[in-house]
Protein backbone atom coordinates (compact mmCIF):
# COMPACT_ATOMS: atom_id res chain seq x y z
CA MET A 1 -2.35 30.51 -9.58
CA SER A 2 -0.16 30.69 -12.69
CA SER A 3 -1.21 33.00 -15.46
CA ASP A 4 -1.17 30.00 -17.80
CA THR A 5 -3.73 28.16 -15.70
CA ARG A 6 -7.36 27.89 -16.96
CA PRO A 7 -9.16 26.54 -13.98
CA GLY A 8 -12.64 26.90 -15.46
CA GLU A 9 -11.71 24.92 -18.50
CA LEU A 10 -9.92 22.33 -16.43
CA GLY A 11 -12.93 21.82 -14.18
CA ALA A 12 -15.21 21.49 -17.27
CA PHE A 13 -12.79 18.96 -18.73
CA LEU A 14 -12.67 16.84 -15.62
CA LYS A 15 -16.47 16.88 -15.26
CA ALA A 16 -16.80 15.80 -18.89
CA ARG A 17 -14.34 12.98 -18.39
CA ARG A 18 -16.06 11.56 -15.35
CA ALA A 19 -19.47 11.84 -17.08
CA GLU A 20 -18.18 9.39 -19.69
CA LEU A 21 -17.38 6.68 -17.19
CA THR A 22 -19.52 4.34 -15.19
CA PRO A 23 -18.62 2.50 -11.99
CA ALA A 24 -18.26 -0.65 -14.02
CA THR A 25 -15.79 0.82 -16.53
CA ALA A 26 -13.91 2.49 -13.72
CA GLY A 27 -13.52 -0.81 -11.81
CA LEU A 28 -15.89 0.28 -8.97
CA PRO A 29 -18.60 -2.05 -7.60
CA GLU A 30 -22.21 -1.20 -8.50
CA THR A 31 -23.98 0.07 -5.37
CA GLY A 32 -27.53 -0.22 -6.80
CA GLY A 33 -30.20 2.39 -6.68
CA ARG A 34 -30.84 5.33 -8.87
CA ARG A 35 -27.96 7.60 -9.70
CA ARG A 36 -28.65 11.36 -9.84
CA VAL A 37 -25.69 12.10 -12.10
CA SER A 38 -24.44 10.60 -15.28
CA GLY A 39 -21.15 8.86 -15.10
CA LEU A 40 -19.05 8.87 -11.86
CA ARG A 41 -19.75 10.91 -8.79
CA ARG A 42 -17.18 13.29 -7.49
CA GLU A 43 -16.57 11.15 -4.44
CA GLU A 44 -15.92 8.09 -6.66
CA VAL A 45 -13.31 9.92 -8.71
CA ALA A 46 -11.73 11.18 -5.44
CA THR A 47 -11.53 7.61 -4.09
CA LEU A 48 -9.89 6.34 -7.30
CA ALA A 49 -7.36 9.19 -7.19
CA ALA A 50 -6.68 8.82 -3.41
CA ILE A 51 -7.60 12.45 -2.68
CA SER A 52 -10.32 13.96 -0.56
CA THR A 53 -13.81 14.67 -2.17
CA ASP A 54 -13.48 18.32 -1.07
CA TYR A 55 -10.10 18.65 -2.82
CA TYR A 56 -11.47 17.18 -6.01
CA ALA A 57 -14.62 19.36 -5.86
CA ARG A 58 -12.35 22.47 -5.57
CA LEU A 59 -10.53 21.42 -8.71
CA GLU A 60 -13.70 21.07 -10.68
CA GLN A 61 -14.90 24.46 -9.32
CA GLY A 62 -11.65 26.13 -10.33
CA ARG A 63 -10.78 26.95 -6.72
CA MET A 64 -7.66 24.77 -6.47
CA GLN A 65 -4.46 24.31 -8.45
CA ALA A 66 -3.47 20.67 -8.80
CA SER A 67 0.12 19.36 -8.52
CA ALA A 68 1.61 17.27 -11.27
CA PRO A 69 1.37 14.01 -9.20
CA VAL A 70 -2.34 14.65 -8.52
CA LEU A 71 -3.01 15.23 -12.24
CA ASN A 72 -1.29 12.01 -13.04
CA THR A 73 -3.51 10.11 -10.58
CA LEU A 74 -6.55 11.78 -12.03
CA ALA A 75 -5.42 10.75 -15.56
CA ARG A 76 -5.32 7.16 -14.38
CA ALA A 77 -8.54 7.37 -12.44
CA LEU A 78 -10.43 8.89 -15.34
CA ARG A 79 -8.90 6.53 -17.93
CA MET A 80 -7.41 9.31 -19.97
CA ASP A 81 -5.37 8.53 -23.09
CA GLU A 82 -2.05 10.38 -23.73
CA ASP A 83 -3.70 13.17 -25.67
CA GLN A 84 -6.30 13.83 -23.02
CA ARG A 85 -3.65 13.73 -20.29
CA ALA A 86 -1.45 16.17 -22.15
CA TYR A 87 -4.41 18.50 -22.65
CA MET A 88 -5.28 18.39 -18.93
CA PHE A 89 -1.73 19.34 -18.04
CA GLU A 90 -1.92 22.22 -20.53
CA LEU A 91 -5.13 23.47 -18.89
CA ALA A 92 -3.53 23.20 -15.46
CA GLY A 93 -0.39 25.17 -16.62
CA ARG A 94 1.86 22.28 -15.84
CA PRO A 95 4.68 20.86 -18.01
CA SER A 96 3.40 17.89 -19.91
CA ASP A 97 6.36 15.69 -19.29
CA ARG A 98 5.83 12.95 -16.81
CA PRO A 99 7.44 13.64 -13.37
CA ALA A 100 10.77 12.06 -12.72
CA ARG A 101 10.60 8.85 -10.81
CA ARG A 102 12.21 8.59 -7.44
CA ALA A 103 15.26 6.27 -7.20
CA VAL A 104 14.39 2.73 -6.33
CA GLN A 105 14.61 2.36 -2.54
CA ARG A 106 17.15 -0.25 -1.36
CA ALA A 107 17.63 -1.43 2.19
CA GLN A 108 20.38 0.18 4.16
CA PRO A 109 23.49 -2.07 4.38
CA ARG A 110 23.45 -1.81 8.24
CA LEU A 111 19.87 -3.04 8.35
CA GLN A 112 20.65 -5.86 5.94
CA ARG A 113 23.60 -6.95 8.14
CA LEU A 114 21.41 -6.94 11.19
CA LEU A 115 18.66 -8.96 9.47
CA ASP A 116 21.24 -11.50 8.34
CA ASP A 117 22.40 -11.95 11.98
CA LEU A 118 18.91 -12.55 13.34
CA GLY A 119 18.91 -16.35 13.15
CA THR A 120 15.98 -16.94 15.48
CA THR A 121 14.07 -13.66 15.04
CA PRO A 122 12.01 -13.00 11.91
CA GLY A 123 12.38 -9.46 10.50
CA ILE A 124 11.76 -7.32 7.45
CA VAL A 125 12.72 -3.83 6.35
CA LEU A 126 9.85 -1.59 5.31
CA GLY A 127 10.35 1.42 3.07
CA ARG A 128 8.13 4.13 1.71
CA ARG A 129 4.49 3.03 1.11
CA MET A 130 5.20 -0.11 3.21
CA ASP A 131 7.33 -1.52 0.35
CA ILE A 132 9.25 -4.63 1.59
CA LEU A 133 12.94 -3.87 0.97
CA ALA A 134 14.62 -6.78 2.68
CA TRP A 135 13.85 -9.83 4.92
CA ASN A 136 15.61 -12.74 6.50
CA PRO A 137 14.99 -16.51 5.99
CA LEU A 138 12.90 -16.80 9.12
CA ALA A 139 10.56 -14.01 7.92
CA THR A 140 10.07 -16.06 4.75
CA ALA A 141 9.21 -19.13 6.83
CA LEU A 142 6.91 -17.25 9.03
CA VAL A 143 5.03 -14.94 6.54
CA THR A 144 5.61 -15.79 2.84
CA ASP A 145 8.25 -16.24 0.17
CA PHE A 146 8.97 -12.54 -0.49
CA ALA A 147 11.60 -13.41 -3.05
CA GLY A 148 8.86 -15.12 -5.18
CA ILE A 149 6.84 -11.90 -5.38
CA PRO A 150 7.56 -9.50 -8.32
CA GLU A 151 9.37 -6.46 -6.82
CA LYS A 152 6.63 -4.01 -8.00
CA HIS A 153 4.13 -5.92 -5.99
CA ARG A 154 6.42 -6.50 -2.90
CA ASN A 155 4.36 -4.26 -0.64
CA TYR A 156 3.12 -5.22 2.82
CA ILE A 157 -0.30 -3.68 2.79
CA ARG A 158 -0.88 -4.90 -0.80
CA LEU A 159 -0.25 -8.45 0.39
CA VAL A 160 -2.43 -8.04 3.45
CA PHE A 161 -5.38 -7.18 1.22
CA THR A 162 -4.74 -9.24 -1.93
CA ASP A 163 -3.06 -12.47 -0.81
CA PRO A 164 -5.43 -15.14 0.55
CA ASP A 165 -2.54 -16.80 2.45
CA MET A 166 -1.96 -13.51 4.38
CA ARG A 167 -5.63 -13.23 5.24
CA ASN A 168 -5.48 -16.76 6.66
CA LEU A 169 -2.22 -16.14 8.51
CA TYR A 170 -3.57 -13.48 10.80
CA ALA A 171 -6.13 -14.63 13.31
CA ASP A 172 -7.45 -11.05 13.63
CA TRP A 173 -7.01 -10.04 10.00
CA LYS A 174 -9.49 -7.24 10.07
CA ASN A 175 -7.72 -5.47 12.95
CA VAL A 176 -4.32 -5.99 11.29
CA ALA A 177 -5.62 -4.69 7.94
CA HIS A 178 -7.31 -1.70 9.51
CA THR A 179 -4.09 -0.83 11.30
CA CYS A 180 -2.09 -0.99 8.09
CA VAL A 181 -4.55 1.40 6.43
CA ALA A 182 -4.15 3.81 9.33
CA GLN A 183 -0.36 3.64 9.02
CA LEU A 184 -0.49 4.18 5.32
CA ARG A 185 -2.81 7.18 5.79
CA MET A 186 -0.09 8.67 8.09
CA GLU A 187 2.49 8.16 5.33
CA ALA A 188 0.18 9.89 2.81
CA ALA A 189 0.02 12.86 5.06
CA ARG A 190 3.91 13.10 5.21
CA ASP A 191 4.24 12.65 1.43
CA PRO A 192 0.90 13.85 -0.20
CA ASP A 193 2.39 14.15 -3.69
CA ASN A 194 3.75 10.61 -3.87
CA ALA A 195 2.35 9.23 -7.10
CA ARG A 196 3.13 5.61 -6.47
CA LEU A 197 1.37 5.81 -3.05
CA ALA A 198 -1.73 7.36 -4.74
CA SER A 199 -1.65 4.65 -7.34
CA LEU A 200 -1.51 1.97 -4.57
CA VAL A 201 -4.38 3.53 -2.71
CA GLY A 202 -6.44 3.69 -5.90
CA GLU A 203 -5.71 0.08 -6.77
CA LEU A 204 -6.72 -1.17 -3.33
CA SER A 205 -9.74 1.05 -3.17
CA VAL A 206 -11.13 -0.47 -6.37
CA GLN A 207 -10.27 -4.10 -5.33
CA ASP A 208 -11.43 -4.11 -1.65
CA PRO A 209 -14.47 -2.44 -0.02
CA ASP A 210 -12.95 -2.65 3.47
CA PHE A 211 -9.88 -0.75 2.32
CA ARG A 212 -12.10 1.80 0.57
CA ARG A 213 -14.18 2.37 3.69
CA TRP A 214 -11.27 2.49 6.10
CA TRP A 215 -9.27 4.83 3.90
CA ALA A 216 -12.28 7.18 3.75
CA ALA A 217 -12.55 7.18 7.57
CA HIS A 218 -9.16 9.01 7.79
CA HIS A 219 -7.89 7.07 10.81
CA VAL A 220 -4.09 7.38 11.37
CA ALA A 221 -1.53 5.34 13.32
CA VAL A 222 2.16 5.38 13.77
CA ARG A 223 4.07 2.11 13.30
CA GLY A 224 5.44 1.21 16.74
CA VAL A 225 4.94 -1.97 18.80
CA GLY A 226 2.13 -4.49 19.18
CA THR A 227 1.15 -8.12 19.54
CA LYS A 228 -0.23 -10.36 16.86
CA THR A 229 -1.68 -13.90 16.75
CA LEU A 230 -0.73 -15.83 13.64
CA ARG A 231 -2.20 -19.12 12.45
CA HIS A 232 0.79 -20.79 10.72
CA PRO A 233 0.09 -23.80 8.49
CA VAL A 234 3.10 -25.73 9.83
CA VAL A 235 3.61 -24.90 13.48
CA GLY A 236 0.18 -23.78 14.38
CA GLU A 237 -0.85 -20.74 16.41
CA LEU A 238 1.79 -18.25 17.52
CA THR A 239 1.44 -15.14 19.65
CA LEU A 240 4.25 -12.79 18.71
CA ASP A 241 5.27 -9.33 19.82
CA TRP A 242 6.36 -6.93 17.05
CA ASP A 243 8.71 -3.97 17.38
CA THR A 244 9.73 -1.25 14.95
CA LEU A 245 13.28 0.12 14.84
CA ALA A 246 13.83 3.27 12.76
CA SER A 247 16.99 3.63 10.71
CA ALA A 248 19.10 6.58 11.87
CA THR A 249 20.55 7.07 8.39
CA ASP A 250 17.24 6.92 6.48
CA SER A 251 14.01 7.92 8.12
CA ASP A 252 12.08 6.25 5.28
CA GLN A 253 13.29 2.74 6.33
CA GLN A 254 12.19 0.75 9.40
CA LEU A 255 13.17 -2.67 10.67
CA VAL A 256 10.14 -4.69 11.92
CA VAL A 257 10.90 -7.74 14.06
CA TRP A 258 8.70 -10.40 15.67
CA SER A 259 9.67 -12.14 18.92
CA ALA A 260 8.11 -14.48 21.46
CA GLU A 261 8.22 -14.83 25.25
CA PRO A 262 11.12 -17.19 26.09
CA GLY A 263 9.98 -20.62 27.15
CA SER A 264 6.48 -20.15 25.52
CA PRO A 265 5.02 -22.43 22.88
CA SER A 266 5.38 -19.61 20.36
CA HIS A 267 9.06 -19.30 21.22
CA ASP A 268 9.54 -23.03 20.60
CA ALA A 269 7.60 -22.74 17.30
CA LEU A 270 9.96 -19.98 16.04
CA ARG A 271 12.90 -22.20 16.80
CA ILE A 272 11.31 -25.01 14.74
CA LEU A 273 10.74 -22.59 11.89
CA ALA A 274 14.32 -21.35 12.21
CA THR A 275 15.53 -24.93 11.62
CA TRP A 276 13.22 -25.25 8.69
CA ALA A 277 14.40 -22.03 7.15
CA ASP A 278 18.02 -23.22 7.31
CA THR A 279 17.34 -26.29 5.15
CA PRO A 280 18.52 -26.01 1.56
CA ALA A 281 15.45 -27.41 -0.08
CA PRO A 282 13.64 -24.79 -2.20
CA ARG A 283 10.12 -23.69 -1.07
CA THR A 284 7.40 -21.89 -2.96
CA ARG A 285 4.73 -19.71 -1.44
CA THR A 286 2.25 -22.65 -1.29
CA ASP A 287 4.71 -25.29 -0.15
CA ARG A 288 4.89 -24.91 3.64
CA SER A 289 5.41 -28.51 4.62
CA LEU A 290 8.35 -29.42 6.82
CA PRO A 291 11.24 -31.17 5.15
CA GLY A 292 11.45 -34.94 5.36
C-alpha cells in the first residue's frame, strides 16, 4: 500500500457513512425483520457498489486498497457529497480528480455497412456493457425504436429489465434476463474497474430484485448462439435463432443477428416486418401497427 494510505481511517469513514443510511434512503427495498446494525449492512453497500461483500469487508477492515473507480462507485452508493468524496480519496491515497472518461464507443464502419445490407435479417451491434451502438431498420421493427431512446440509456440489459415492452416481447423473459446478467458478469470480470458498468449494476440492483439476486449468484456466460421465442404485437409469435459475430478490429464490439428457418412461419413474419420497416411513415416505440 502507498505510504499516503490510511486504511484504518478509511474503513472507519466508510463504516460511519453506511451507518447514516437506511435501505429506504439508499433506494433498497425494506426486507422486514429486526436489523442488528444501524444503517446499511456491508452486503447492501457491496450490492449498490457492484463489488463482492468480501471485497468491501476488506476495505473497511483496512486489508485492501481500493482503486479510483471502486471509490467512485462507493461515493455514489453511500450518497457522499463532493467534500466527503474528496476526503475519502485523500484517506485512500488517491488523486482527488475524477478519472478520465473513456471515449464514447461508436460502431465500426464495417459492421455498420454490414447492418445496412441486411434487409431481411434484424441485427444490432453491442459494445461494452451491452451498450447498443448500431442497429438496422428491421431490428427496430422487431425489438424497439432504438433511435427514440436517449443514448445514455441505450443499453440492452437495461432495456430488458426496465422496459415493459421488452418484458412482454420475450416469451421466456426470465431465462433471457438471467442470461443477460450472466453475460454482463463475464464482462465485469474482464473489466473490473469500469465505472460505468459498476454504475449500471448498482442502478439495476436497486430497481429489480431479480437482477440483484442473479448478480449475487455469480453465474457467467459467453455471448454466442441460441434460440428465442418472441411475442411480437404485430406479426405474433416468432421463433428466431440468434448468432454473435465478433469484430476482428475491435474485440469490444459484436454483431448480433436474428434469423429464422426458411419457409417457416417465423421466416414469413420477418419478411412482413421487413416490408413494414421500409415504409417511410414514422413510428414511435408504442406505435407498432402496420401501415394502412
